[in-house]
């Protein structure tokens, strides 16, 4: 995200509400070269504990 000289972000972040309630794969890719840096698979995602707060909103 670029920052304007005034310290205010030039672009606004979007908030997503997603649920990872089924198996999923993921990867991190270096965009300029296309090289895959990290790949993985989550076969059995666990539910978020009710007694823990959700991630803080920016």
PDB file of N, CA and C in Angstrom:
ATOM      1  N   UNK A   1       0.850  -1.169   0.000  1.00  0.00           N
ATOM      2  CA  UNK A   1       0.000   0.000   0.000  1.00  0.00           C
ATOM      3  C   UNK A   1       0.896   1.232   0.000  1.00  0.00           C
ATOM      4  N   UNK A   2       0.641   2.134  -0.870  1.00  0.00           N
ATOM      5  CA  UNK A   2       1.420   3.373  -0.937  1.00  0.00           C
ATOM      6  C   UNK A   2       0.913   4.358   0.110  1.00  0.00           C
ATOM      7  N   UNK A   3       1.808   5.169   0.615  1.00  0.00           N
ATOM      8  CA  UNK A   3       1.431   6.172   1.610  1.00  0.00           C
ATOM      9  C   UNK A   3       1.686   7.552   1.020  1.00  0.00           C
ATOM     10  N   UNK A   4       0.679   8.385   1.106  1.00  0.00           N
ATOM     11  CA  UNK A   4       0.792   9.750   0.616  1.00  0.00           C
ATOM     12  C   UNK A   4       1.700  10.547   1.561  1.00  0.00           C
ATOM     13  N   UNK A   5       2.267  11.669   1.097  1.00  0.00           N
ATOM     14  CA  UNK A   5       3.143  12.477   1.951  1.00  0.00           C
ATOM     15  C   UNK A   5       2.497  12.904   3.264  1.00  0.00           C
ATOM     16  N   UNK A   6       1.181  12.979   3.304  1.00  0.00           N
ATOM     17  CA  UNK A   6       0.500  13.404   4.530  1.00  0.00           C
ATOM     18  C   UNK A   6       0.400  12.279   5.554  1.00  0.00           C
ATOM     19  N   UNK A   7       0.808  11.046   5.187  1.00  0.00           N
ATOM     20  CA  UNK A   7       0.727   9.926   6.107  1.00  0.00           C
ATOM     21  C   UNK A   7      -0.565   9.147   5.983  1.00  0.00           C
ATOM     22  N   UNK A   8      -1.451   9.578   5.115  1.00  0.00           N
ATOM     23  CA  UNK A   8      -2.721   8.897   4.901  1.00  0.00           C
ATOM     24  C   UNK A   8      -2.542   7.887   3.768  1.00  0.00           C
ATOM     25  N   UNK A   9      -2.999   6.653   3.943  1.00  0.00           N
ATOM     26  CA  UNK A   9      -2.858   5.658   2.868  1.00  0.00           C
ATOM     27  C   UNK A   9      -3.532   6.127   1.579  1.00  0.00           C
ATOM     28  N   UNK A  10      -2.889   5.835   0.440  1.00  0.00           N
ATOM     29  CA  UNK A  10      -3.423   6.257  -0.849  1.00  0.00           C
ATOM     30  C   UNK A  10      -4.567   5.363  -1.298  1.00  0.00           C
ATOM     31  N   UNK A  11      -4.624   4.132  -0.790  1.00  0.00           N
ATOM     32  CA  UNK A  11      -5.700   3.216  -1.145  1.00  0.00           C
ATOM     33  C   UNK A  11      -6.372   2.736   0.137  1.00  0.00           C
ATOM     34  N   UNK A  12      -7.644   2.424   0.030  1.00  0.00           N
ATOM     35  CA  UNK A  12      -8.394   1.973   1.190  1.00  0.00           C
ATOM     36  C   UNK A  12      -8.395   0.450   1.235  1.00  0.00           C
ATOM     37  N   UNK A  13      -8.211  -0.122   2.394  1.00  0.00           N
ATOM     38  CA  UNK A  13      -8.219  -1.577   2.554  1.00  0.00           C
ATOM     39  C   UNK A  13      -9.655  -2.080   2.537  1.00  0.00           C
ATOM     40  N   UNK A  14      -9.827  -3.276   2.019  1.00  0.00           N
ATOM     41  CA  UNK A  14     -11.136  -3.921   1.994  1.00  0.00           C
ATOM     42  C   UNK A  14     -11.184  -4.972   3.096  1.00  0.00           C
ATOM     43  N   UNK A  15     -12.286  -5.030   3.814  1.00  0.00           N
ATOM     44  CA  UNK A  15     -12.461  -6.008   4.870  1.00  0.00           C
ATOM     45  C   UNK A  15     -13.243  -7.185   4.296  1.00  0.00           C
ATOM     46  N   UNK A  16     -12.705  -8.387   4.483  1.00  0.00           N
ATOM     47  CA  UNK A  16     -13.359  -9.599   3.998  1.00  0.00           C
ATOM     48  C   UNK A  16     -13.847 -10.418   5.175  1.00  0.00           C
ATOM     49  N   UNK A  17     -14.985 -11.035   5.004  1.00  0.00           N
ATOM     50  CA  UNK A  17     -15.516 -11.946   6.006  1.00  0.00           C
ATOM     51  C   UNK A  17     -15.518 -13.328   5.368  1.00  0.00           C
ATOM     52  N   UNK A  18     -14.568 -14.153   5.752  1.00  0.00           N
ATOM     53  CA  UNK A  18     -14.445 -15.484   5.160  1.00  0.00           C
ATOM     54  C   UNK A  18     -14.475 -16.539   6.249  1.00  0.00           C
ATOM     55  N   UNK A  19     -14.906 -17.732   5.877  1.00  0.00           N
ATOM     56  CA  UNK A  19     -14.924 -18.868   6.799  1.00  0.00           C
ATOM     57  C   UNK A  19     -14.129 -19.994   6.165  1.00  0.00           C
ATOM     58  N   UNK A  20     -13.114 -20.456   6.861  1.00  0.00           N
ATOM     59  CA  UNK A  20     -12.309 -21.582   6.397  1.00  0.00           C
ATOM     60  C   UNK A  20     -12.837 -22.833   7.085  1.00  0.00           C
ATOM     61  N   UNK A  21     -13.989 -23.310   6.614  1.00  0.00           N
ATOM     62  CA  UNK A  21     -14.671 -24.424   7.265  1.00  0.00           C
ATOM     63  C   UNK A  21     -14.608 -25.722   6.462  1.00  0.00           C
ATOM     64  N   UNK A  22     -13.692 -25.798   5.521  1.00  0.00           N
ATOM     65  CA  UNK A  22     -13.490 -27.005   4.726  1.00  0.00           C
ATOM     66  C   UNK A  22     -12.024 -27.073   4.330  1.00  0.00           C
ATOM     67  N   UNK A  23     -11.561 -28.220   3.881  1.00  0.00           N
ATOM     68  CA  UNK A  23     -10.152 -28.321   3.477  1.00  0.00           C
ATOM     69  C   UNK A  23      -9.799 -27.301   2.391  1.00  0.00           C
ATOM     70  N   UNK A  24      -8.569 -26.768   2.462  1.00  0.00           N
ATOM     71  CA  UNK A  24      -8.139 -25.793   1.461  1.00  0.00           C
ATOM     72  C   UNK A  24      -6.627 -25.843   1.301  1.00  0.00           C
ATOM     73  N   UNK A  25      -6.179 -25.435   0.134  1.00  0.00           N
ATOM     74  CA  UNK A  25      -4.760 -25.313  -0.160  1.00  0.00           C
ATOM     75  C   UNK A  25      -4.390 -23.847  -0.253  1.00  0.00           C
ATOM     76  N   UNK A  26      -3.120 -23.546  -0.063  1.00  0.00           N
ATOM     77  CA  UNK A  26      -2.659 -22.162  -0.150  1.00  0.00           C
ATOM     78  C   UNK A  26      -1.244 -22.143  -0.688  1.00  0.00           C
ATOM     79  N   UNK A  27      -0.857 -21.004  -1.234  1.00  0.00           N
ATOM     80  CA  UNK A  27       0.522 -20.820  -1.661  1.00  0.00           C
ATOM     81  C   UNK A  27       0.875 -19.358  -1.663  1.00  0.00           C
ATOM     82  N   UNK A  28       2.171 -19.095  -1.488  1.00  0.00           N
ATOM     83  CA  UNK A  28       2.719 -17.745  -1.584  1.00  0.00           C
ATOM     84  C   UNK A  28       3.658 -17.754  -2.783  1.00  0.00           C
ATOM     85  N   UNK A  29       3.438 -16.821  -3.697  1.00  0.00           N
ATOM     86  CA  UNK A  29       4.182 -16.803  -4.949  1.00  0.00           C
ATOM     87  C   UNK A  29       4.867 -15.457  -5.132  1.00  0.00           C
ATOM     88  N   UNK A  30       6.119 -15.475  -5.569  1.00  0.00           N
ATOM     89  CA  UNK A  30       6.853 -14.259  -5.891  1.00  0.00           C
ATOM     90  C   UNK A  30       6.336 -13.785  -7.247  1.00  0.00           C
ATOM     91  N   UNK A  31       5.604 -12.688  -7.261  1.00  0.00           N
ATOM     92  CA  UNK A  31       4.936 -12.250  -8.492  1.00  0.00           C
ATOM     93  C   UNK A  31       5.867 -11.984  -9.665  1.00  0.00           C
ATOM     94  N   UNK A  32       6.994 -11.279  -9.487  1.00  0.00           N
ATOM     95  CA  UNK A  32       7.843 -11.004 -10.659  1.00  0.00           C
ATOM     96  C   UNK A  32       8.390 -12.268 -11.332  1.00  0.00           C
ATOM     97  N   UNK A  33       8.767 -13.264 -10.550  1.00  0.00           N
ATOM     98  CA  UNK A  33       9.376 -14.460 -11.147  1.00  0.00           C
ATOM     99  C   UNK A  33       8.412 -15.632 -11.265  1.00  0.00           C
ATOM    100  N   UNK A  34       7.303 -15.604 -10.512  1.00  0.00           N
ATOM    101  CA  UNK A  34       6.363 -16.719 -10.521  1.00  0.00           C
ATOM    102  C   UNK A  34       6.794 -17.871  -9.633  1.00  0.00           C
ATOM    103  N   UNK A  35       7.906 -17.727  -8.927  1.00  0.00           N
ATOM    104  CA  UNK A  35       8.431 -18.770  -8.062  1.00  0.00           C
ATOM    105  C   UNK A  35       7.500 -18.982  -6.870  1.00  0.00           C
ATOM    106  N   UNK A  36       7.116 -20.240  -6.606  1.00  0.00           N
ATOM    107  CA  UNK A  36       6.306 -20.558  -5.431  1.00  0.00           C
ATOM    108  C   UNK A  36       7.234 -20.637  -4.231  1.00  0.00           C
ATOM    109  N   UNK A  37       6.993 -19.790  -3.229  1.00  0.00           N
ATOM    110  CA  UNK A  37       7.833 -19.708  -2.045  1.00  0.00           C
ATOM    111  C   UNK A  37       7.355 -20.638  -0.932  1.00  0.00           C
ATOM    112  N   UNK A  38       6.056 -20.845  -0.848  1.00  0.00           N
ATOM    113  CA  UNK A  38       5.475 -21.651   0.210  1.00  0.00           C
ATOM    114  C   UNK A  38       4.170 -22.230  -0.307  1.00  0.00           C
ATOM    115  N   UNK A  39       3.917 -23.477  -0.026  1.00  0.00           N
ATOM    116  CA  UNK A  39       2.651 -24.107  -0.396  1.00  0.00           C
ATOM    117  C   UNK A  39       2.245 -25.036   0.733  1.00  0.00           C
ATOM    118  N   UNK A  40       0.947 -25.170   0.914  1.00  0.00           N
ATOM    119  CA  UNK A  40       0.483 -26.043   1.985  1.00  0.00           C
ATOM    120  C   UNK A  40      -0.958 -26.450   1.805  1.00  0.00           C
ATOM    121  N   UNK A  41      -1.391 -27.332   2.670  1.00  0.00           N
ATOM    122  CA  UNK A  41      -2.749 -27.864   2.632  1.00  0.00           C
ATOM    123  C   UNK A  41      -3.247 -27.983   4.062  1.00  0.00           C
ATOM    124  N   UNK A  42      -4.455 -27.499   4.330  1.00  0.00           N
ATOM    125  CA  UNK A  42      -5.098 -27.658   5.635  1.00  0.00           C
ATOM    126  C   UNK A  42      -6.248 -28.636   5.434  1.00  0.00           C
ATOM    127  N   UNK A  43      -6.101 -29.839   5.988  1.00  0.00           N
ATOM    128  CA  UNK A  43      -7.088 -30.891   5.763  1.00  0.00           C
ATOM    129  C   UNK A  43      -8.277 -30.803   6.717  1.00  0.00           C
ATOM    130  N   UNK A  44      -8.037 -30.342   7.944  1.00  0.00           N
ATOM    131  CA  UNK A  44      -9.101 -30.322   8.945  1.00  0.00           C
ATOM    132  C   UNK A  44      -9.015 -29.029   9.759  1.00  0.00           C
ATOM    133  N   UNK A  45      -9.511 -27.908   9.202  1.00  0.00           N
ATOM    134  CA  UNK A  45      -9.423 -26.642   9.937  1.00  0.00           C
ATOM    135  C   UNK A  45     -10.282 -26.683  11.200  1.00  0.00           C
ATOM    136  N   UNK A  46      -9.746 -26.115  12.274  1.00  0.00           N
ATOM    137  CA  UNK A  46     -10.468 -26.096  13.543  1.00  0.00           C
ATOM    138  C   UNK A  46     -11.313 -24.830  13.659  1.00  0.00           C
ATOM    139  N   UNK A  47     -12.406 -24.919  14.400  1.00  0.00           N
ATOM    140  CA  UNK A  47     -13.238 -23.752  14.659  1.00  0.00           C
ATOM    141  C   UNK A  47     -12.496 -22.783  15.559  1.00  0.00           C
ATOM    142  N   UNK A  48     -12.790 -21.486  15.414  1.00  0.00           N
ATOM    143  CA  UNK A  48     -12.193 -20.466  16.264  1.00  0.00           C
ATOM    144  C   UNK A  48     -12.837 -20.576  17.643  1.00  0.00           C
ATOM    145  N   UNK A  49     -12.041 -20.632  18.721  1.00  0.00           N
ATOM    146  CA  UNK A  49     -12.623 -20.736  20.069  1.00  0.00           C
ATOM    147  C   UNK A  49     -13.496 -19.522  20.386  1.00  0.00           C
ATOM    148  N   UNK A  50     -14.643 -19.782  20.988  1.00  0.00           N
ATOM    149  CA  UNK A  50     -15.594 -18.710  21.305  1.00  0.00           C
ATOM    150  C   UNK A  50     -15.049 -17.744  22.352  1.00  0.00           C
ATOM    151  N   UNK A  51     -14.135 -18.212  23.227  1.00  0.00           N
ATOM    152  CA  UNK A  51     -13.640 -17.342  24.286  1.00  0.00           C
ATOM    153  C   UNK A  51     -12.504 -16.431  23.829  1.00  0.00           C
ATOM    154  N   UNK A  52     -12.033 -16.565  22.590  1.00  0.00           N
ATOM    155  CA  UNK A  52     -10.997 -15.684  22.049  1.00  0.00           C
ATOM    156  C   UNK A  52     -11.630 -14.642  21.146  1.00  0.00           C
ATOM    157  N   UNK A  53     -11.180 -13.380  21.237  1.00  0.00           N
ATOM    158  CA  UNK A  53     -11.740 -12.349  20.355  1.00  0.00           C
ATOM    159  C   UNK A  53     -11.277 -12.561  18.922  1.00  0.00           C
ATOM    160  N   UNK A  54     -12.026 -12.039  17.989  1.00  0.00           N
ATOM    161  CA  UNK A  54     -11.639 -12.068  16.589  1.00  0.00           C
ATOM    162  C   UNK A  54     -10.439 -11.134  16.376  1.00  0.00           C
ATOM    163  N   UNK A  55      -9.828 -11.241  15.231  1.00  0.00           N
ATOM    164  CA  UNK A  55      -8.687 -10.370  14.925  1.00  0.00           C
ATOM    165  C   UNK A  55      -9.135  -8.905  14.965  1.00  0.00           C
ATOM    166  N   UNK A  56      -8.286  -8.018  15.456  1.00  0.00           N
ATOM    167  CA  UNK A  56      -8.654  -6.596  15.528  1.00  0.00           C
ATOM    168  C   UNK A  56      -8.822  -5.991  14.145  1.00  0.00           C
ATOM    169  N   UNK A  57      -9.754  -5.110  14.020  1.00  0.00           N
ATOM    170  CA  UNK A  57     -10.008  -4.425  12.746  1.00  0.00           C
ATOM    171  C   UNK A  57      -9.029  -3.254  12.636  1.00  0.00           C
ATOM    172  N   UNK A  58      -8.434  -3.062  11.433  1.00  0.00           N
ATOM    173  CA  UNK A  58      -7.484  -1.945  11.273  1.00  0.00           C
ATOM    174  C   UNK A  58      -8.162  -0.599  11.342  1.00  0.00           C
TER     175      UNK A  58
END
